[in-house]
PDB file of N, CA and C in Angstrom:
ATOM      1  N   MET A   1      11.424  -2.678   1.720  1.00  0.00           N
ATOM      2  CA  MET A   1      11.658  -2.422   3.115  1.00  0.00           C
ATOM      3  C   MET A   1      10.327  -2.497   3.851  1.00  0.00           C
ATOM      4  N   PRO A   2      10.264  -3.233   4.955  1.00  0.00           N
ATOM      5  CA  PRO A   2       9.039  -3.303   5.741  1.00  0.00           C
ATOM      6  C   PRO A   2       8.733  -1.948   6.377  1.00  0.00           C
ATOM      7  N   LEU A   3       7.450  -1.593   6.439  1.00  0.00           N
ATOM      8  CA  LEU A   3       7.048  -0.319   7.027  1.00  0.00           C
ATOM      9  C   LEU A   3       6.236  -0.482   8.306  1.00  0.00           C
ATOM     10  N   ASP A   4       5.898  -1.721   8.657  1.00  0.00           N
ATOM     11  CA  ASP A   4       5.134  -1.933   9.881  1.00  0.00           C
ATOM     12  C   ASP A   4       5.666  -3.145  10.638  1.00  0.00           C
ATOM     13  N   GLN A   5       5.183  -3.313  11.858  1.00  0.00           N
ATOM     14  CA  GLN A   5       5.646  -4.410  12.708  1.00  0.00           C
ATOM     15  C   GLN A   5       4.988  -5.733  12.373  1.00  0.00           C
ATOM     16  N   HIS A   6       3.904  -5.706  11.602  1.00  0.00           N
ATOM     17  CA  HIS A   6       3.129  -6.911  11.338  1.00  0.00           C
ATOM     18  C   HIS A   6       3.483  -7.579  10.014  1.00  0.00           C
ATOM     19  N   GLY A   7       4.392  -6.979   9.245  1.00  0.00           N
ATOM     20  CA  GLY A   7       4.783  -7.559   7.973  1.00  0.00           C
ATOM     21  C   GLY A   7       3.704  -7.500   6.911  1.00  0.00           C
ATOM     22  N   ARG A   8       2.870  -6.473   6.980  1.00  0.00           N
ATOM     23  CA  ARG A   8       1.782  -6.334   6.003  1.00  0.00           C
ATOM     24  C   ARG A   8       1.888  -5.074   5.164  1.00  0.00           C
ATOM     25  N   LEU A   9       2.975  -4.334   5.309  1.00  0.00           N
ATOM     26  CA  LEU A   9       3.132  -3.078   4.578  1.00  0.00           C
ATOM     27  C   LEU A   9       4.593  -2.910   4.187  1.00  0.00           C
ATOM     28  N   TRP A  10       4.823  -2.665   2.895  1.00  0.00           N
ATOM     29  CA  TRP A  10       6.189  -2.554   2.387  1.00  0.00           C
ATOM     30  C   TRP A  10       6.327  -1.373   1.446  1.00  0.00           C
ATOM     31  N   ALA A  11       7.545  -0.840   1.396  1.00  0.00           N
ATOM     32  CA  ALA A  11       7.905   0.166   0.395  1.00  0.00           C
ATOM     33  C   ALA A  11       8.926  -0.470  -0.535  1.00  0.00           C
ATOM     34  N   LEU A  12       8.655  -0.377  -1.815  1.00  0.00           N
ATOM     35  CA  LEU A  12       9.575  -0.861  -2.841  1.00  0.00           C
ATOM     36  C   LEU A  12      10.115   0.384  -3.533  1.00  0.00           C
ATOM     37  N   SER A  13      11.406   0.607  -3.421  1.00  0.00           N
ATOM     38  CA  SER A  13      11.973   1.854  -3.928  1.00  0.00           C
ATOM     39  C   SER A  13      13.011   1.623  -5.009  1.00  0.00           C
ATOM     40  N   THR A  14      12.993   2.517  -5.982  1.00  0.00           N
ATOM     41  CA  THR A  14      14.036   2.599  -6.994  1.00  0.00           C
ATOM     42  C   THR A  14      14.685   3.969  -6.822  1.00  0.00           C
ATOM     43  N   ARG A  15      15.619   4.283  -7.651  1.00  0.00           N
ATOM     44  CA  ARG A  15      16.281   5.586  -7.532  1.00  0.00           C
ATOM     45  C   ARG A  15      15.294   6.736  -7.698  1.00  0.00           C
ATOM     46  N   ASN A  16      14.289   6.558  -8.554  1.00  0.00           N
ATOM     47  CA  ASN A  16      13.387   7.662  -8.872  1.00  0.00           C
ATOM     48  C   ASN A  16      11.948   7.485  -8.416  1.00  0.00           C
ATOM     49  N   SER A  17      11.609   6.336  -7.837  1.00  0.00           N
ATOM     50  CA  SER A  17      10.212   6.124  -7.473  1.00  0.00           C
ATOM     51  C   SER A  17      10.072   5.215  -6.263  1.00  0.00           C
ATOM     52  N   THR A  18       8.890   5.279  -5.660  1.00  0.00           N
ATOM     53  CA  THR A  18       8.543   4.410  -4.536  1.00  0.00           C
ATOM     54  C   THR A  18       7.156   3.852  -4.775  1.00  0.00           C
ATOM     55  N   TYR A  19       6.979   2.586  -4.440  1.00  0.00           N
ATOM     56  CA  TYR A  19       5.689   1.921  -4.459  1.00  0.00           C
ATOM     57  C   TYR A  19       5.439   1.442  -3.040  1.00  0.00           C
ATOM     58  N   VAL A  20       4.289   1.741  -2.483  1.00  0.00           N
ATOM     59  CA  VAL A  20       3.925   1.253  -1.157  1.00  0.00           C
ATOM     60  C   VAL A  20       2.785   0.262  -1.352  1.00  0.00           C
ATOM     61  N   VAL A  21       2.990  -0.961  -0.888  1.00  0.00           N
ATOM     62  CA  VAL A  21       1.985  -2.014  -1.017  1.00  0.00           C
ATOM     63  C   VAL A  21       1.706  -2.625   0.352  1.00  0.00           C
ATOM     64  N   GLY A  22       0.506  -3.108   0.524  1.00  0.00           N
ATOM     65  CA  GLY A  22       0.133  -3.720   1.782  1.00  0.00           C
ATOM     66  C   GLY A  22      -0.868  -4.824   1.569  1.00  0.00           C
ATOM     67  N   VAL A  23      -1.075  -5.615   2.609  1.00  0.00           N
ATOM     68  CA  VAL A  23      -2.059  -6.691   2.598  1.00  0.00           C
ATOM     69  C   VAL A  23      -3.043  -6.420   3.729  1.00  0.00           C
ATOM     70  N   GLU A  24      -4.320  -6.452   3.393  1.00  0.00           N
ATOM     71  CA  GLU A  24      -5.377  -6.338   4.392  1.00  0.00           C
ATOM     72  C   GLU A  24      -6.290  -7.540   4.229  1.00  0.00           C
ATOM     73  N   VAL A  25      -6.805  -8.058   5.343  1.00  0.00           N
ATOM     74  CA  VAL A  25      -7.714  -9.200   5.306  1.00  0.00           C
ATOM     75  C   VAL A  25      -9.109  -8.701   5.661  1.00  0.00           C
ATOM     76  N   ASP A  26     -10.059  -8.988   4.784  1.00  0.00           N
ATOM     77  CA  ASP A  26     -11.456  -8.622   5.011  1.00  0.00           C
ATOM     78  C   ASP A  26     -12.018  -9.554   6.076  1.00  0.00           C
ATOM     79  N   PRO A  27     -12.407  -9.020   7.246  1.00  0.00           N
ATOM     80  CA  PRO A  27     -12.881  -9.892   8.315  1.00  0.00           C
ATOM     81  C   PRO A  27     -14.186 -10.617   7.981  1.00  0.00           C
ATOM     82  N   ALA A  28     -14.981 -10.057   7.081  1.00  0.00           N
ATOM     83  CA  ALA A  28     -16.255 -10.683   6.733  1.00  0.00           C
ATOM     84  C   ALA A  28     -16.075 -11.902   5.832  1.00  0.00           C
ATOM     85  N   THR A  29     -15.088 -11.846   4.940  1.00  0.00           N
ATOM     86  CA  THR A  29     -14.915 -12.931   3.969  1.00  0.00           C
ATOM     87  C   THR A  29     -13.623 -13.713   4.159  1.00  0.00           C
ATOM     88  N   ASP A  30     -12.721 -13.204   5.016  1.00  0.00           N
ATOM     89  CA  ASP A  30     -11.395 -13.785   5.222  1.00  0.00           C
ATOM     90  C   ASP A  30     -10.558 -13.740   3.940  1.00  0.00           C
ATOM     91  N   GLU A  31     -10.917 -12.837   3.041  1.00  0.00           N
ATOM     92  CA  GLU A  31     -10.204 -12.676   1.778  1.00  0.00           C
ATOM     93  C   GLU A  31      -9.061 -11.682   1.963  1.00  0.00           C
ATOM     94  N   ALA A  32      -7.890 -12.051   1.463  1.00  0.00           N
ATOM     95  CA  ALA A  32      -6.731 -11.158   1.536  1.00  0.00           C
ATOM     96  C   ALA A  32      -6.758 -10.205   0.350  1.00  0.00           C
ATOM     97  N   LEU A  33      -6.572  -8.932   0.630  1.00  0.00           N
ATOM     98  CA  LEU A  33      -6.538  -7.905  -0.406  1.00  0.00           C
ATOM     99  C   LEU A  33      -5.137  -7.321  -0.477  1.00  0.00           C
ATOM    100  N   VAL A  34      -4.541  -7.321  -1.647  1.00  0.00           N
ATOM    101  CA  VAL A  34      -3.247  -6.686  -1.863  1.00  0.00           C
ATOM    102  C   VAL A  34      -3.537  -5.277  -2.367  1.00  0.00           C
ATOM    103  N   LEU A  35      -3.071  -4.277  -1.634  1.00  0.00           N
ATOM    104  CA  LEU A  35      -3.350  -2.888  -1.970  1.00  0.00           C
ATOM    105  C   LEU A  35      -2.087  -2.161  -2.394  1.00  0.00           C
ATOM    106  N   GLN A  36      -2.145  -1.520  -3.521  1.00  0.00           N
ATOM    107  CA  GLN A  36      -1.071  -0.605  -3.907  1.00  0.00           C
ATOM    108  C   GLN A  36      -1.501   0.740  -3.360  1.00  0.00           C
ATOM    109  N   LYS A  37      -0.846   1.188  -2.297  1.00  0.00           N
ATOM    110  CA  LYS A  37      -1.280   2.373  -1.578  1.00  0.00           C
ATOM    111  C   LYS A  37      -0.647   3.656  -2.099  1.00  0.00           C
ATOM    112  N   TYR A  38       0.497   3.548  -2.728  1.00  0.00           N
ATOM    113  CA  TYR A  38       1.160   4.745  -3.273  1.00  0.00           C
ATOM    114  C   TYR A  38       2.076   4.321  -4.394  1.00  0.00           C
ATOM    115  N   TRP A  39       2.172   5.156  -5.403  1.00  0.00           N
ATOM    116  CA  TRP A  39       3.229   5.046  -6.397  1.00  0.00           C
ATOM    117  C   TRP A  39       3.534   6.445  -6.859  1.00  0.00           C
ATOM    118  N   GLY A  40       4.802   6.717  -7.016  1.00  0.00           N
ATOM    119  CA  GLY A  40       5.185   8.066  -7.436  1.00  0.00           C
ATOM    120  C   GLY A  40       6.629   8.352  -7.102  1.00  0.00           C
ATOM    121  N   THR A  41       6.908   9.616  -6.899  1.00  0.00           N
ATOM    122  CA  THR A  41       8.249  10.090  -6.603  1.00  0.00           C
ATOM    123  C   THR A  41       8.848   9.348  -5.420  1.00  0.00           C
ATOM    124  N   SER A  42      10.150   9.108  -5.469  1.00  0.00           N
ATOM    125  CA  SER A  42      10.853   8.403  -4.401  1.00  0.00           C
ATOM    126  C   SER A  42      10.614   9.075  -3.052  1.00  0.00           C
ATOM    127  N   LEU A  43      10.309   8.253  -2.034  1.00  0.00           N
ATOM    128  CA  LEU A  43      10.014   8.756  -0.693  1.00  0.00           C
ATOM    129  C   LEU A  43      10.958   8.158   0.337  1.00  0.00           C
ATOM    130  N   PRO A  44      11.334   8.940   1.358  1.00  0.00           N
ATOM    131  CA  PRO A  44      12.059   8.358   2.488  1.00  0.00           C
ATOM    132  C   PRO A  44      11.073   7.497   3.299  1.00  0.00           C
ATOM    133  N   PRO A  45      11.565   6.602   4.161  1.00  0.00           N
ATOM    134  CA  PRO A  45      10.690   5.676   4.888  1.00  0.00           C
ATOM    135  C   PRO A  45       9.533   6.337   5.641  1.00  0.00           C
ATOM    136  N   GLN A  46       9.773   7.415   6.363  1.00  0.00           N
ATOM    137  CA  GLN A  46       8.684   8.043   7.132  1.00  0.00           C
ATOM    138  C   GLN A  46       7.597   8.582   6.206  1.00  0.00           C
ATOM    139  N   ALA A  47       7.974   9.170   5.097  1.00  0.00           N
ATOM    140  CA  ALA A  47       6.984   9.671   4.138  1.00  0.00           C
ATOM    141  C   ALA A  47       6.209   8.515   3.513  1.00  0.00           C
ATOM    142  N   ALA A  48       6.860   7.376   3.285  1.00  0.00           N
ATOM    143  CA  ALA A  48       6.170   6.199   2.744  1.00  0.00           C
ATOM    144  C   ALA A  48       5.134   5.694   3.745  1.00  0.00           C
ATOM    145  N   ARG A  49       5.475   5.708   5.041  1.00  0.00           N
ATOM    146  CA  ARG A  49       4.501   5.305   6.069  1.00  0.00           C
ATOM    147  C   ARG A  49       3.299   6.241   6.056  1.00  0.00           C
ATOM    148  N   GLU A  50       3.561   7.549   5.933  1.00  0.00           N
ATOM    149  CA  GLU A  50       2.473   8.522   5.896  1.00  0.00           C
ATOM    150  C   GLU A  50       1.619   8.334   4.644  1.00  0.00           C
ATOM    151  N   ALA A  51       2.243   8.064   3.507  1.00  0.00           N
ATOM    152  CA  ALA A  51       1.500   7.850   2.260  1.00  0.00           C
ATOM    153  C   ALA A  51       0.597   6.635   2.378  1.00  0.00           C
ATOM    154  N   ALA A  52       1.018   5.634   3.124  1.00  0.00           N
ATOM    155  CA  ALA A  52       0.227   4.415   3.283  1.00  0.00           C
ATOM    156  C   ALA A  52      -1.062   4.673   4.044  1.00  0.00           C
ATOM    157  N   THR A  53      -1.107   5.696   4.862  1.00  0.00           N
ATOM    158  CA  THR A  53      -2.296   5.975   5.663  1.00  0.00           C
ATOM    159  C   THR A  53      -3.250   6.950   4.988  1.00  0.00           C
ATOM    160  N   MET A  54      -2.849   7.554   3.874  1.00  0.00           N
ATOM    161  CA  MET A  54      -3.718   8.517   3.194  1.00  0.00           C
ATOM    162  C   MET A  54      -4.908   7.813   2.559  1.00  0.00           C
ATOM    163  N   SER A  55      -6.051   8.450   2.643  1.00  0.00           N
ATOM    164  CA  SER A  55      -7.205   7.990   1.899  1.00  0.00           C
ATOM    165  C   SER A  55      -7.039   8.575   0.506  1.00  0.00           C
ATOM    166  N   ALA A  56      -6.743   7.729  -0.456  1.00  0.00           N
ATOM    167  CA  ALA A  56      -6.361   8.251  -1.757  1.00  0.00           C
ATOM    168  C   ALA A  56      -7.048   7.526  -2.889  1.00  0.00           C
ATOM    169  N   GLY A  57      -6.932   8.096  -4.028  1.00  0.00           N
ATOM    170  CA  GLY A  57      -7.479   7.521  -5.235  1.00  0.00           C
ATOM    171  C   GLY A  57      -7.404   8.540  -6.347  1.00  0.00           C
ATOM    172  N   PRO A  58      -7.799   8.168  -7.538  1.00  0.00           N
ATOM    173  CA  PRO A  58      -7.687   9.081  -8.668  1.00  0.00           C
ATOM    174  C   PRO A  58      -8.408  10.408  -8.468  1.00  0.00           C
ATOM    175  N   ALA A  59      -9.516  10.413  -7.709  1.00  0.00           N
ATOM    176  CA  ALA A  59     -10.260  11.648  -7.510  1.00  0.00           C
ATOM    177  C   ALA A  59      -9.736  12.468  -6.336  1.00  0.00           C
ATOM    178  N   ASN A  60      -8.780  11.935  -5.600  1.00  0.00           N
ATOM    179  CA  ASN A  60      -8.264  12.620  -4.418  1.00  0.00           C
ATOM    180  C   ASN A  60      -7.162  13.588  -4.818  1.00  0.00           C
ATOM    181  N   PRO A  61      -7.249  14.840  -4.402  1.00  0.00           N
ATOM    182  CA  PRO A  61      -6.230  15.823  -4.777  1.00  0.00           C
ATOM    183  C   PRO A  61      -4.859  15.591  -4.153  1.00  0.00           C
ATOM    184  N   SER A  62      -4.735  14.596  -3.250  1.00  0.00           N
ATOM    185  CA  SER A  62      -3.423  14.343  -2.646  1.00  0.00           C
ATOM    186  C   SER A  62      -2.432  13.822  -3.670  1.00  0.00           C
ATOM    187  N   GLY A  63      -2.932  13.288  -4.775  1.00  0.00           N
ATOM    188  CA  GLY A  63      -2.053  12.790  -5.829  1.00  0.00           C
ATOM    189  C   GLY A  63      -1.652  11.342  -5.672  1.00  0.00           C
ATOM    190  N   ALA A  64      -1.910  10.747  -4.518  1.00  0.00           N
ATOM    191  CA  ALA A  64      -1.564   9.335  -4.346  1.00  0.00           C
ATOM    192  C   ALA A  64      -2.630   8.483  -5.007  1.00  0.00           C
ATOM    193  N   GLY A  65      -2.254   7.282  -5.385  1.00  0.00           N
ATOM    194  CA  GLY A  65      -3.212   6.391  -6.023  1.00  0.00           C
ATOM    195  C   GLY A  65      -3.297   5.074  -5.286  1.00  0.00           C
ATOM    196  N   ARG A  66      -4.408   4.390  -5.447  1.00  0.00           N
ATOM    197  CA  ARG A  66      -4.599   3.077  -4.835  1.00  0.00           C
ATOM    198  C   ARG A  66      -5.081   2.124  -5.903  1.00  0.00           C
ATOM    199  N   HIS A  67      -4.680   0.901  -5.751  1.00  0.00           N
ATOM    200  CA  HIS A  67      -5.163  -0.159  -6.629  1.00  0.00           C
ATOM    201  C   HIS A  67      -5.353  -1.388  -5.764  1.00  0.00           C
ATOM    202  N   VAL A  68      -6.468  -2.066  -5.915  1.00  0.00           N
ATOM    203  CA  VAL A  68      -6.768  -3.246  -5.099  1.00  0.00           C
ATOM    204  C   VAL A  68      -6.707  -4.493  -5.961  1.00  0.00           C
ATOM    205  N   THR A  69      -5.983  -5.490  -5.490  1.00  0.00           N
ATOM    206  CA  THR A  69      -5.981  -6.815  -6.096  1.00  0.00           C
ATOM    207  C   THR A  69      -6.412  -7.781  -5.018  1.00  0.00           C
ATOM    208  N   SER A  70      -7.321  -8.675  -5.332  1.00  0.00           N
ATOM    209  CA  SER A  70      -7.887  -9.555  -4.321  1.00  0.00           C
ATOM    210  C   SER A  70      -7.413 -10.995  -4.525  1.00  0.00           C
ATOM    211  N   PHE A  71      -7.110 -11.664  -3.428  1.00  0.00           N
ATOM    212  CA  PHE A  71      -6.746 -13.072  -3.431  1.00  0.00           C
ATOM    213  C   PHE A  71      -7.524 -13.764  -2.334  1.00  0.00           C
ATOM    214  N   SER A  72      -8.228 -14.826  -2.658  1.00  0.00           N
ATOM    215  CA  SER A  72      -8.910 -15.604  -1.632  1.00  0.00           C
ATOM    216  C   SER A  72      -7.901 -16.487  -0.939  1.00  0.00           C
ATOM    217  N   ARG A  73      -8.121 -16.702   0.353  1.00  0.00           N
ATOM    218  CA  ARG A  73      -7.258 -17.619   1.089  1.00  0.00           C
ATOM    219  C   ARG A  73      -7.539 -19.039   0.637  1.00  0.00           C
ATOM    220  N   PRO A  74      -6.499 -19.830   0.426  1.00  0.00           N
ATOM    221  CA  PRO A  74      -6.741 -21.233   0.065  1.00  0.00           C
ATOM    222  C   PRO A  74      -7.382 -21.974   1.226  1.00  0.00           C
ATOM    223  N   SER A  75      -8.235 -22.923   0.909  1.00  0.00           N
ATOM    224  CA  SER A  75      -8.881 -23.676   1.993  1.00  0.00           C
ATOM    225  C   SER A  75      -8.232 -25.023   2.164  1.00  0.00           C
TER     226      SER A  75
END
């Protein structure tokens, strides 16, 4: 399910879990970054949007995790 108006943030949900993923473009390199912004317990859409905005990672006590995968734009 899309979570934003720009088509760069999605929630993928199963019965027991939600994954929030997004795409960000680095303005300095024009490289597209695929970010896993949340994975965990199933979330309703508004909570998934909020999870996407958290500054998170393994050391963050919020419990959310992030993973970055990078893809260069084809020329």
